[in-house]
C-alpha atoms as a PDB file:
ATOM      1  CA  UNK A   1      -3.286  21.529 -16.218  1.00  0.00           C
ATOM      2  CA  UNK A   2      -5.804  19.654 -14.835  1.00  0.00           C
ATOM      3  CA  UNK A   3      -8.883  21.159 -12.539  1.00  0.00           C
ATOM      4  CA  UNK A   4      -8.693  19.275  -9.632  1.00  0.00           C
ATOM      5  CA  UNK A   5      -4.394  20.411  -9.360  1.00  0.00           C
ATOM      6  CA  UNK A   6      -6.037  24.276  -9.619  1.00  0.00           C
ATOM      7  CA  UNK A   7      -5.522  24.921  -6.018  1.00  0.00           C
ATOM      8  CA  UNK A   8      -2.021  23.319  -5.718  1.00  0.00           C
ATOM      9  CA  UNK A   9      -0.364  25.667  -8.881  1.00  0.00           C
ATOM     10  CA  UNK A  10      -2.426  28.907  -7.247  1.00  0.00           C
ATOM     11  CA  UNK A  11      -0.614  28.279  -3.628  1.00  0.00           C
ATOM     12  CA  UNK A  12       2.758  28.473  -5.464  1.00  0.00           C
ATOM     13  CA  UNK A  13       2.209  31.174  -7.656  1.00  0.00           C
ATOM     14  CA  UNK A  14       1.754  33.898  -5.254  1.00  0.00           C
ATOM     15  CA  UNK A  15       5.013  32.943  -3.865  1.00  0.00           C
ATOM     16  CA  UNK A  16       7.287  32.739  -6.965  1.00  0.00           C
ATOM     17  CA  UNK A  17       9.687  35.114  -5.282  1.00  0.00           C
ATOM     18  CA  UNK A  18      10.764  32.337  -2.862  1.00  0.00           C
ATOM     19  CA  UNK A  19       9.552  29.464  -4.705  1.00  0.00           C
ATOM     20  CA  UNK A  20      12.283  26.210  -3.671  1.00  0.00           C
ATOM     21  CA  UNK A  21      15.128  25.988  -6.057  1.00  0.00           C
ATOM     22  CA  UNK A  22      13.787  22.140  -6.088  1.00  0.00           C
ATOM     23  CA  UNK A  23      10.422  20.382  -5.675  1.00  0.00           C
ATOM     24  CA  UNK A  24       9.384  17.221  -5.553  1.00  0.00           C
ATOM     25  CA  UNK A  25       5.832  16.523  -7.224  1.00  0.00           C
ATOM     26  CA  UNK A  26       5.022  12.808  -6.176  1.00  0.00           C
ATOM     27  CA  UNK A  27       1.750  10.828  -5.247  1.00  0.00           C
ATOM     28  CA  UNK A  28      -0.030   7.769  -7.261  1.00  0.00           C
ATOM     29  CA  UNK A  29       0.149   7.547 -11.503  1.00  0.00           C
ATOM     30  CA  UNK A  30      -2.677   9.009 -13.340  1.00  0.00           C
ATOM     31  CA  UNK A  31      -3.183  11.882 -11.198  1.00  0.00           C
ATOM     32  CA  UNK A  32      -1.664  14.749 -13.652  1.00  0.00           C
ATOM     33  CA  UNK A  33       1.474  15.308 -11.916  1.00  0.00           C
ATOM     34  CA  UNK A  34       3.537  15.512 -15.284  1.00  0.00           C
ATOM     35  CA  UNK A  35       1.038  18.234 -16.435  1.00  0.00           C
ATOM     36  CA  UNK A  36       0.892  20.198 -13.490  1.00  0.00           C
ATOM     37  CA  UNK A  37       5.112  20.531 -13.513  1.00  0.00           C
ATOM     38  CA  UNK A  38       4.948  21.487 -17.311  1.00  0.00           C
ATOM     39  CA  UNK A  39       2.241  24.350 -15.842  1.00  0.00           C
ATOM     40  CA  UNK A  40       5.025  25.509 -13.440  1.00  0.00           C
ATOM     41  CA  UNK A  41       7.715  25.531 -15.715  1.00  0.00           C
ATOM     42  CA  UNK A  42       6.073  27.457 -18.782  1.00  0.00           C
ATOM     43  CA  UNK A  43       4.790  29.928 -15.983  1.00  0.00           C
ATOM     44  CA  UNK A  44       7.791  30.315 -14.735  1.00  0.00           C
ATOM     45  CA  UNK A  45       9.129  30.603 -17.848  1.00  0.00           C
ATOM     46  CA  UNK A  46       6.213  32.985 -19.147  1.00  0.00           C
ATOM     47  CA  UNK A  47       7.659  36.223 -20.230  1.00  0.00           C
ATOM     48  CA  UNK A  48       4.388  38.375 -20.221  1.00  0.00           C
ATOM     49  CA  UNK A  49       4.215  39.267 -16.086  1.00  0.00           C
ATOM     50  CA  UNK A  50       0.780  38.407 -15.889  1.00  0.00           C
ATOM     51  CA  UNK A  51      -0.815  39.780 -12.671  1.00  0.00           C
ATOM     52  CA  UNK A  52      -3.040  36.933 -12.828  1.00  0.00           C
ATOM     53  CA  UNK A  53      -0.300  34.466 -12.339  1.00  0.00           C
ATOM     54  CA  UNK A  54      -1.236  32.381 -15.176  1.00  0.00           C
ATOM     55  CA  UNK A  55       0.990  31.818 -18.456  1.00  0.00           C
ATOM     56  CA  UNK A  56      -0.041  34.026 -21.390  1.00  0.00           C
ATOM     57  CA  UNK A  57       0.283  31.176 -24.128  1.00  0.00           C
ATOM     58  CA  UNK A  58       1.369  34.140 -26.176  1.00  0.00           C
ATOM     59  CA  UNK A  59       4.546  35.595 -25.239  1.00  0.00           C
ATOM     60  CA  UNK A  60       7.784  34.182 -26.719  1.00  0.00           C
ATOM     61  CA  UNK A  61       8.580  32.126 -24.022  1.00  0.00           C
ATOM     62  CA  UNK A  62       5.320  30.112 -24.038  1.00  0.00           C
ATOM     63  CA  UNK A  63       5.388  30.218 -27.539  1.00  0.00           C
ATOM     64  CA  UNK A  64       9.061  27.877 -26.963  1.00  0.00           C
ATOM     65  CA  UNK A  65       7.666  26.012 -24.386  1.00  0.00           C
ATOM     66  CA  UNK A  66       4.956  25.096 -26.407  1.00  0.00           C
ATOM     67  CA  UNK A  67       6.760  24.098 -29.192  1.00  0.00           C
ATOM     68  CA  UNK A  68       9.720  22.000 -27.231  1.00  0.00           C
ATOM     69  CA  UNK A  69      12.445  24.458 -27.976  1.00  0.00           C
ATOM     70  CA  UNK A  70      12.560  26.651 -24.782  1.00  0.00           C
ATOM     71  CA  UNK A  71      16.147  27.376 -24.856  1.00  0.00           C
ATOM     72  CA  UNK A  72      15.857  27.736 -20.808  1.00  0.00           C
ATOM     73  CA  UNK A  73      14.202  24.368 -20.357  1.00  0.00           C
ATOM     74  CA  UNK A  74      15.443  21.039 -20.219  1.00  0.00           C
ATOM     75  CA  UNK A  75      13.315  17.634 -19.639  1.00  0.00           C
ATOM     76  CA  UNK A  76      15.246  14.824 -18.470  1.00  0.00           C
ATOM     77  CA  UNK A  77      13.198  11.304 -19.215  1.00  0.00           C
ATOM     78  CA  UNK A  78      13.927   7.259 -19.548  1.00  0.00           C
ATOM     79  CA  UNK A  79      14.343   7.007 -23.825  1.00  0.00           C
ATOM     80  CA  UNK A  80      11.296   4.753 -23.999  1.00  0.00           C
ATOM     81  CA  UNK A  81       9.150   7.737 -22.833  1.00  0.00           C
ATOM     82  CA  UNK A  82      10.610   9.660 -25.591  1.00  0.00           C
ATOM     83  CA  UNK A  83       7.656  11.152 -28.418  1.00  0.00           C
ATOM     84  CA  UNK A  84      10.246   9.865 -31.358  1.00  0.00           C
ATOM     85  CA  UNK A  85      12.919   6.836 -31.448  1.00  0.00           C
ATOM     86  CA  UNK A  86      16.108   8.505 -30.837  1.00  0.00           C
ATOM     87  CA  UNK A  87      17.495   8.053 -34.508  1.00  0.00           C
ATOM     88  CA  UNK A  88      21.672   6.943 -34.286  1.00  0.00           C
ATOM     89  CA  UNK A  89      24.135   9.554 -34.252  1.00  0.00           C
ATOM     90  CA  UNK A  90      24.817  11.596 -37.515  1.00  0.00           C
ATOM     91  CA  UNK A  91      28.235   9.726 -39.324  1.00  0.00           C
ATOM     92  CA  UNK A  92      27.236   6.695 -37.718  1.00  0.00           C
ATOM     93  CA  UNK A  93      24.513   5.566 -40.552  1.00  0.00           C
ATOM     94  CA  UNK A  94      24.653   1.633 -39.747  1.00  0.00           C
ATOM     95  CA  UNK A  95      25.103   1.936 -35.859  1.00  0.00           C
ATOM     96  CA  UNK A  96      21.790  -0.283 -34.489  1.00  0.00           C
ATOM     97  CA  UNK A  97      19.863   0.657 -30.964  1.00  0.00           C
ATOM     98  CA  UNK A  98      18.297  -2.037 -28.657  1.00  0.00           C
ATOM     99  CA  UNK A  99      14.998  -1.509 -27.223  1.00  0.00           C
ATOM    100  CA  UNK A 100      14.788   2.438 -25.452  1.00  0.00           C
ATOM    101  CA  UNK A 101      16.462   2.579 -22.031  1.00  0.00           C
ATOM    102  CA  UNK A 102      13.426   2.676 -19.243  1.00  0.00           C
ATOM    103  CA  UNK A 103      15.979   4.525 -17.513  1.00  0.00           C
ATOM    104  CA  UNK A 104      17.830   8.198 -16.778  1.00  0.00           C
ATOM    105  CA  UNK A 105      21.674   7.652 -17.524  1.00  0.00           C
ATOM    106  CA  UNK A 106      24.195   9.292 -16.033  1.00  0.00           C
ATOM    107  CA  UNK A 107      24.876  11.080 -19.849  1.00  0.00           C
ATOM    108  CA  UNK A 108      21.753  12.745 -19.500  1.00  0.00           C
ATOM    109  CA  UNK A 109      22.506  14.518 -15.872  1.00  0.00           C
ATOM    110  CA  UNK A 110      25.841  15.518 -16.914  1.00  0.00           C
ATOM    111  CA  UNK A 111      24.278  17.349 -20.243  1.00  0.00           C
ATOM    112  CA  UNK A 112      21.886  18.855 -17.187  1.00  0.00           C
ATOM    113  CA  UNK A 113      24.730  20.346 -15.533  1.00  0.00           C
ATOM    114  CA  UNK A 114      26.427  21.685 -18.375  1.00  0.00           C
ATOM    115  CA  UNK A 115      22.774  23.830 -19.020  1.00  0.00           C
ATOM    116  CA  UNK A 116      22.017  24.934 -15.599  1.00  0.00           C
ATOM    117  CA  UNK A 117      25.893  26.293 -15.121  1.00  0.00           C
ATOM    118  CA  UNK A 118      24.934  28.685 -18.303  1.00  0.00           C
ATOM    119  CA  UNK A 119      23.523  32.020 -17.712  1.00  0.00           C
ATOM    120  CA  UNK A 120      20.288  31.766 -18.627  1.00  0.00           C
ATOM    121  CA  UNK A 121      18.802  32.943 -22.791  1.00  0.00           C
ATOM    122  CA  UNK A 122      16.114  35.158 -21.448  1.00  0.00           C
ATOM    123  CA  UNK A 123      16.869  36.901 -18.407  1.00  0.00           C
ATOM    124  CA  UNK A 124      14.676  34.175 -16.450  1.00  0.00           C
ATOM    125  CA  UNK A 125      14.647  30.802 -14.381  1.00  0.00           C
ATOM    126  CA  UNK A 126      16.108  27.991 -16.128  1.00  0.00           C
ATOM    127  CA  UNK A 127      13.850  25.154 -15.217  1.00  0.00           C
ATOM    128  CA  UNK A 128      14.178  21.156 -15.463  1.00  0.00           C
ATOM    129  CA  UNK A 129      11.955  18.636 -15.514  1.00  0.00           C
ATOM    130  CA  UNK A 130      12.978  15.313 -14.376  1.00  0.00           C
ATOM    131  CA  UNK A 131      10.082  12.601 -14.564  1.00  0.00           C
ATOM    132  CA  UNK A 132       9.297  10.078 -13.273  1.00  0.00           C
ATOM    133  CA  UNK A 133      12.530  10.695 -11.143  1.00  0.00           C
ATOM    134  CA  UNK A 134      12.705   7.239  -9.582  1.00  0.00           C
ATOM    135  CA  UNK A 135      13.869   5.882 -13.322  1.00  0.00           C
ATOM    136  CA  UNK A 136      17.033   7.789 -12.446  1.00  0.00           C
ATOM    137  CA  UNK A 137      20.066   4.733 -12.224  1.00  0.00           C
ATOM    138  CA  UNK A 138      21.911   5.156  -9.528  1.00  0.00           C
ATOM    139  CA  UNK A 139      25.160   6.840 -10.945  1.00  0.00           C
ATOM    140  CA  UNK A 140      22.467   9.438 -12.849  1.00  0.00           C
ATOM    141  CA  UNK A 141      21.007  10.110  -9.423  1.00  0.00           C
ATOM    142  CA  UNK A 142      24.526  10.897  -7.309  1.00  0.00           C
ATOM    143  CA  UNK A 143      25.179  13.311 -10.627  1.00  0.00           C
ATOM    144  CA  UNK A 144      21.868  14.709  -9.886  1.00  0.00           C
ATOM    145  CA  UNK A 145      22.378  15.163  -6.430  1.00  0.00           C
ATOM    146  CA  UNK A 146      25.185  17.034  -6.871  1.00  0.00           C
ATOM    147  CA  UNK A 147      23.131  19.787  -8.411  1.00  0.00           C
ATOM    148  CA  UNK A 148      20.846  19.799  -5.865  1.00  0.00           C
ATOM    149  CA  UNK A 149      22.954  20.402  -2.970  1.00  0.00           C
ATOM    150  CA  UNK A 150      24.948  23.524  -4.733  1.00  0.00           C
ATOM    151  CA  UNK A 151      22.261  24.880  -7.045  1.00  0.00           C
ATOM    152  CA  UNK A 152      23.000  27.424  -9.667  1.00  0.00           C
ATOM    153  CA  UNK A 153      21.301  30.922  -9.213  1.00  0.00           C
ATOM    154  CA  UNK A 154      18.122  30.865 -10.962  1.00  0.00           C
ATOM    155  CA  UNK A 155      17.965  27.315 -11.800  1.00  0.00           C
ATOM    156  CA  UNK A 156      14.384  25.252 -10.499  1.00  0.00           C
ATOM    157  CA  UNK A 157      14.686  21.584 -10.655  1.00  0.00           C
ATOM    158  CA  UNK A 158      10.942  20.092 -10.921  1.00  0.00           C
ATOM    159  CA  UNK A 159      10.654  16.158 -10.046  1.00  0.00           C
ATOM    160  CA  UNK A 160       8.379  13.954 -10.966  1.00  0.00           C
ATOM    161  CA  UNK A 161       7.869  10.653  -8.979  1.00  0.00           C
ATOM    162  CA  UNK A 162       5.275   8.034  -8.444  1.00  0.00           C
ATOM    163  CA  UNK A 163       7.227   6.004  -6.138  1.00  0.00           C
ATOM    164  CA  UNK A 164       9.414   8.592  -3.961  1.00  0.00           C
ATOM    165  CA  UNK A 165      10.589   5.949  -1.726  1.00  0.00           C
ATOM    166  CA  UNK A 166      12.975   5.225  -4.443  1.00  0.00           C
ATOM    167  CA  UNK A 167      14.552   8.338  -4.485  1.00  0.00           C
ATOM    168  CA  UNK A 168      17.681   8.403  -2.521  1.00  0.00           C
ATOM    169  CA  UNK A 169      17.058  10.310   0.921  1.00  0.00           C
ATOM    170  CA  UNK A 170      19.130  12.949   0.177  1.00  0.00           C
ATOM    171  CA  UNK A 171      17.380  13.475  -2.956  1.00  0.00           C
ATOM    172  CA  UNK A 172      14.424  14.243  -1.430  1.00  0.00           C
ATOM    173  CA  UNK A 173      15.313  16.154   1.694  1.00  0.00           C
ATOM    174  CA  UNK A 174      16.907  18.669  -0.619  1.00  0.00           C
ATOM    175  CA  UNK A 175      13.642  18.979  -2.438  1.00  0.00           C
ATOM    176  CA  UNK A 176      10.394  20.443  -1.108  1.00  0.00           C
ATOM    177  CA  UNK A 177       7.788  17.600  -1.230  1.00  0.00           C
ATOM    178  CA  UNK A 178       4.188  18.787  -2.989  1.00  0.00           C
ATOM    179  CA  UNK A 179       2.382  15.773  -3.010  1.00  0.00           C
ATOM    180  CA  UNK A 180      -0.692  15.562  -5.741  1.00  0.00           C
ATOM    181  CA  UNK A 181      -3.951  13.369  -4.651  1.00  0.00           C
ATOM    182  CA  UNK A 182      -6.160  11.604  -6.235  1.00  0.00           C
ATOM    183  CA  UNK A 183      -9.053  14.049  -6.940  1.00  0.00           C
ATOM    184  CA  UNK A 184     -12.437  13.667  -5.148  1.00  0.00           C
ATOM    185  CA  UNK A 185     -14.539  11.196  -7.312  1.00  0.00           C
ATOM    186  CA  UNK A 186     -17.397  13.300  -8.306  1.00  0.00           C
ATOM    187  CA  UNK A 187     -14.961  15.378  -9.867  1.00  0.00           C
ATOM    188  CA  UNK A 188     -12.805  12.803 -11.513  1.00  0.00           C
ATOM    189  CA  UNK A 189     -15.846  10.864 -12.865  1.00  0.00           C
ATOM    190  CA  UNK A 190     -17.058  14.764 -14.067  1.00  0.00           C
ATOM    191  CA  UNK A 191     -14.040  15.329 -16.105  1.00  0.00           C
ATOM    192  CA  UNK A 192     -14.075  11.536 -17.865  1.00  0.00           C
ATOM    193  CA  UNK A 193     -17.597  12.348 -18.782  1.00  0.00           C
ATOM    194  CA  UNK A 194     -16.037  15.347 -20.547  1.00  0.00           C
ATOM    195  CA  UNK A 195     -13.849  13.319 -22.006  1.00  0.00           C
ATOM    196  CA  UNK A 196     -16.633  10.912 -23.759  1.00  0.00           C
ATOM    197  CA  UNK A 197     -15.061   7.945 -21.822  1.00  0.00           C
ATOM    198  CA  UNK A 198     -18.434   5.382 -21.491  1.00  0.00           C
ATOM    199  CA  UNK A 199     -18.839   3.456 -18.375  1.00  0.00           C
ATOM    200  CA  UNK A 200     -16.371   5.896 -16.575  1.00  0.00           C
ATOM    201  CA  UNK A 201     -17.685   4.679 -13.185  1.00  0.00           C
ATOM    202  CA  UNK A 202     -16.180   1.482 -14.058  1.00  0.00           C
ATOM    203  CA  UNK A 203     -12.968   2.524 -15.419  1.00  0.00           C
ATOM    204  CA  UNK A 204     -12.241   4.845 -12.237  1.00  0.00           C
ATOM    205  CA  UNK A 205     -12.358   2.124  -9.669  1.00  0.00           C
ATOM    206  CA  UNK A 206      -9.844  -0.215 -12.207  1.00  0.00           C
ATOM    207  CA  UNK A 207      -7.946   2.663 -11.732  1.00  0.00           C
ATOM    208  CA  UNK A 208      -8.093   3.546  -8.053  1.00  0.00           C
ATOM    209  CA  UNK A 209      -9.667   6.535  -8.600  1.00  0.00           C
ATOM    210  CA  UNK A 210      -6.820   8.233 -11.212  1.00  0.00           C
ATOM    211  CA  UNK A 211      -8.279  10.132 -13.756  1.00  0.00           C
ATOM    212  CA  UNK A 212      -5.683   9.445 -16.624  1.00  0.00           C
ATOM    213  CA  UNK A 213      -5.668   6.431 -15.706  1.00  0.00           C
ATOM    214  CA  UNK A 214      -8.849   5.270 -16.382  1.00  0.00           C
ATOM    215  CA  UNK A 215      -8.686   7.234 -19.362  1.00  0.00           C
ATOM    216  CA  UNK A 216      -6.237   5.104 -20.443  1.00  0.00           C
ATOM    217  CA  UNK A 217      -8.316   1.778 -19.440  1.00  0.00           C
ATOM    218  CA  UNK A 218     -10.968   3.086 -21.127  1.00  0.00           C
ATOM    219  CA  UNK A 219      -9.161   3.476 -24.933  1.00  0.00           C
ATOM    220  CA  UNK A 220      -8.365  -0.150 -24.138  1.00  0.00           C
ATOM    221  CA  UNK A 221     -11.904  -1.077 -22.654  1.00  0.00           C
ATOM    222  CA  UNK A 222     -12.166  -4.077 -25.688  1.00  0.00           C
ATOM    223  CA  UNK A 223      -8.475  -5.514 -24.450  1.00  0.00           C
ATOM    224  CA  UNK A 224      -8.354  -5.472 -20.443  1.00  0.00           C
ATOM    225  CA  UNK A 225     -11.894  -6.802 -20.701  1.00  0.00           C
ATOM    226  CA  UNK A 226     -10.724 -10.327 -22.731  1.00  0.00           C
ATOM    227  CA  UNK A 227      -7.902 -10.417 -20.054  1.00  0.00           C
ATOM    228  CA  UNK A 228     -10.073  -9.566 -16.880  1.00  0.00           C
ATOM    229  CA  UNK A 229     -12.660 -12.375 -17.755  1.00  0.00           C
ATOM    230  CA  UNK A 230     -10.326 -14.900 -19.607  1.00  0.00           C
ATOM    231  CA  UNK A 231      -6.609 -14.156 -18.309  1.00  0.00           C
ATOM    232  CA  UNK A 232      -4.055 -15.931 -20.801  1.00  0.00           C
ATOM    233  CA  UNK A 233      -0.011 -15.780 -21.131  1.00  0.00           C
ATOM    234  CA  UNK A 234       1.163 -12.824 -22.471  1.00  0.00           C
ATOM    235  CA  UNK A 235       2.999 -13.169 -26.369  1.00  0.00           C
ATOM    236  CA  UNK A 236       4.993  -9.895 -25.835  1.00  0.00           C
ATOM    237  CA  UNK A 237       6.846  -7.782 -22.987  1.00  0.00           C
ATOM    238  CA  UNK A 238       4.804  -5.066 -22.844  1.00  0.00           C
ATOM    239  CA  UNK A 239       1.252  -7.248 -22.169  1.00  0.00           C
ATOM    240  CA  UNK A 240       2.866  -9.296 -19.038  1.00  0.00           C
ATOM    241  CA  UNK A 241       3.193  -6.060 -17.249  1.00  0.00           C
ATOM    242  CA  UNK A 242      -1.132  -5.661 -17.912  1.00  0.00           C
ATOM    243  CA  UNK A 243      -1.917  -8.958 -16.950  1.00  0.00           C
ATOM    244  CA  UNK A 244       0.218  -8.768 -13.762  1.00  0.00           C
ATOM    245  CA  UNK A 245      -1.311  -5.820 -13.082  1.00  0.00           C
ATOM    246  CA  UNK A 246      -4.568  -7.247 -13.778  1.00  0.00           C
ATOM    247  CA  UNK A 247      -4.155 -10.843 -11.512  1.00  0.00           C
ATOM    248  CA  UNK A 248      -3.089  -8.603  -8.902  1.00  0.00           C
ATOM    249  CA  UNK A 249      -6.742  -6.073  -9.253  1.00  0.00           C
ATOM    250  CA  UNK A 250      -8.458  -9.506  -9.154  1.00  0.00           C
ATOM    251  CA  UNK A 251      -6.891 -10.467  -6.093  1.00  0.00           C
ATOM    252  CA  UNK A 252      -6.792  -8.108  -3.892  1.00  0.00           C
ATOM    253  CA  UNK A 253     -10.798  -7.730  -5.075  1.00  0.00           C
ATOM    254  CA  UNK A 254     -11.384 -11.553  -3.916  1.00  0.00           C
ATOM    255  CA  UNK A 255      -9.784 -10.320  -0.794  1.00  0.00           C
ATOM    256  CA  UNK A 256     -11.833  -7.632  -0.468  1.00  0.00           C
ATOM    257  CA  UNK A 257     -14.987  -9.844  -1.070  1.00  0.00           C
ATOM    258  CA  UNK A 258     -13.657 -12.193   1.501  1.00  0.00           C
ATOM    259  CA  UNK A 259     -13.725  -9.630   4.450  1.00  0.00           C
ATOM    260  CA  UNK A 260     -17.130  -8.940   3.355  1.00  0.00           C
ATOM    261  CA  UNK A 261     -16.118  -5.479   1.432  1.00  0.00           C
ATOM    262  CA  UNK A 262     -16.919  -3.949  -1.342  1.00  0.00           C
ATOM    263  CA  UNK A 263     -14.877  -4.546  -4.795  1.00  0.00           C
ATOM    264  CA  UNK A 264     -12.717  -1.838  -4.623  1.00  0.00           C
ATOM    265  CA  UNK A 265     -11.364  -2.429  -8.549  1.00  0.00           C
ATOM    266  CA  UNK A 266     -14.765  -3.616  -9.795  1.00  0.00           C
ATOM    267  CA  UNK A 267     -12.985  -6.280 -11.384  1.00  0.00           C
ATOM    268  CA  UNK A 268     -16.148  -9.052 -11.965  1.00  0.00           C
ATOM    269  CA  UNK A 269     -14.865 -11.729  -9.897  1.00  0.00           C
ATOM    270  CA  UNK A 270     -16.409 -13.639  -7.664  1.00  0.00           C
ATOM    271  CA  UNK A 271     -17.209 -13.483  -3.807  1.00  0.00           C
ATOM    272  CA  UNK A 272     -14.602 -15.595  -2.070  1.00  0.00           C
ATOM    273  CA  UNK A 273     -14.741 -17.649   1.021  1.00  0.00           C
ATOM    274  CA  UNK A 274     -12.824 -15.820   4.543  1.00  0.00           C
ATOM    275  CA  UNK A 275     -11.031 -19.046   4.677  1.00  0.00           C
ATOM    276  CA  UNK A 276      -9.206 -17.704   1.303  1.00  0.00           C
ATOM    277  CA  UNK A 277      -8.252 -14.072   1.850  1.00  0.00           C
ATOM    278  CA  UNK A 278      -5.176 -14.370   3.327  1.00  0.00           C
ATOM    279  CA  UNK A 279      -3.616 -16.337   0.124  1.00  0.00           C
ATOM    280  CA  UNK A 280      -5.216 -14.145  -2.470  1.00  0.00           C
ATOM    281  CA  UNK A 281      -3.639 -10.758  -0.159  1.00  0.00           C
ATOM    282  CA  UNK A 282      -0.408 -12.972  -0.592  1.00  0.00           C
ATOM    283  CA  UNK A 283      -0.912 -13.474  -4.201  1.00  0.00           C
ATOM    284  CA  UNK A 284      -1.373  -9.894  -4.639  1.00  0.00           C
ATOM    285  CA  UNK A 285       1.443  -8.960  -3.193  1.00  0.00           C
ATOM    286  CA  UNK A 286       3.593 -11.049  -5.871  1.00  0.00           C
ATOM    287  CA  UNK A 287       2.118  -9.923  -8.202  1.00  0.00           C
ATOM    288  CA  UNK A 288       3.111  -6.285  -7.089  1.00  0.00           C
ATOM    289  CA  UNK A 289       6.691  -7.749  -6.881  1.00  0.00           C
ATOM    290  CA  UNK A 290       6.285  -9.220 -10.891  1.00  0.00           C
ATOM    291  CA  UNK A 291       5.144  -5.949 -12.366  1.00  0.00           C
ATOM    292  CA  UNK A 292       8.412  -4.237 -11.173  1.00  0.00           C
ATOM    293  CA  UNK A 293       9.808  -7.111 -12.964  1.00  0.00           C
ATOM    294  CA  UNK A 294       8.430  -6.955 -16.241  1.00  0.00           C
ATOM    295  CA  UNK A 295       9.820  -3.512 -17.048  1.00  0.00           C
ATOM    296  CA  UNK A 296      13.458  -6.393 -17.535  1.00  0.00           C
ATOM    297  CA  UNK A 297      14.678  -8.883 -20.246  1.00  0.00           C
ATOM    298  CA  UNK A 298      12.318 -11.778 -19.531  1.00  0.00           C
ATOM    299  CA  UNK A 299      10.677 -14.745 -22.086  1.00  0.00           C
ATOM    300  CA  UNK A 300       7.082 -13.320 -22.078  1.00  0.00           C
ATOM    301  CA  UNK A 301       5.406 -16.101 -22.510  1.00  0.00           C
ATOM    302  CA  UNK A 302       6.830 -18.334 -19.404  1.00  0.00           C
ATOM    303  CA  UNK A 303       6.753 -15.796 -16.978  1.00  0.00           C
ATOM    304  CA  UNK A 304       3.523 -15.127 -17.614  1.00  0.00           C
ATOM    305  CA  UNK A 305       2.420 -18.368 -17.644  1.00  0.00           C
ATOM    306  CA  UNK A 306       4.239 -18.570 -14.352  1.00  0.00           C
ATOM    307  CA  UNK A 307       1.786 -15.901 -12.739  1.00  0.00           C
ATOM    308  CA  UNK A 308      -0.947 -17.690 -14.044  1.00  0.00           C
ATOM    309  CA  UNK A 309       0.157 -21.117 -12.530  1.00  0.00           C
ATOM    310  CA  UNK A 310       0.775 -19.213  -8.730  1.00  0.00           C
ATOM    311  CA  UNK A 311      -3.106 -18.575  -8.466  1.00  0.00           C
ATOM    312  CA  UNK A 312      -4.535 -19.707  -5.616  1.00  0.00           C
ATOM    313  CA  UNK A 313      -6.074 -22.976  -6.243  1.00  0.00           C
ATOM    314  CA  UNK A 314      -9.602 -22.058  -4.084  1.00  0.00           C
END
């Protein structure tokens, strides 16, 4: 868990006995929501009973959790986020797999339901972590809703969401919302400097204040610098979203400068005449839509070339 989220955790651990059956941790990407959810899960599964309210890290529960093998914990994520590629089932040596899914599927939720309806192996909670919750497809979301409506005794759902508005309203209504906000700038900068990040202030600005995103951007500084200086068509699908994000942030910085404001993302674009502010804002909105589309099958070269052609001529 990251230091700026300690206060959120402290407010929860004091009421474990009346903890809601479902928490929705939501906020911008890069604020440490997943790490906070994992810390909460470990706290619930820790067997030491630490009066300080922290996972001990030494009991069987904590060791199993750290190893990813706790019998009372399940994590639901898209295959694309799995740390290792999922291999074909045994007995299917020639099975072919396409690209890992970017959705949480109904089969995963059904397996979770079977897990939750079995008694706890360790006599404590059973914890299900869903991340990112908005990546459930429609069938999976409806299946999870049944579990939220009639939760088994001792079951706790931890939903992590970057875009809670994309969740079913009925799912949101059955969770206690726990907003995870962007930390103060000085706190984030101090943490980034502690991670050895060079030009931390610049990348924190590019990340919109989200420290974990800034850390990721700093690790790709050379690639992003080239992209910001000379945007070019992408050669594969993974690059399309990065290009759309760069174009969107450049467009917003141009619009900010046109209105006499300081550019938010420090993308290095020149100042823009006020007459063109609306055009750049419209382009930024379009790039936001393209960032979502970039997750789906498409021709990366043609799609990214189209994005570059849509830039306002100013």
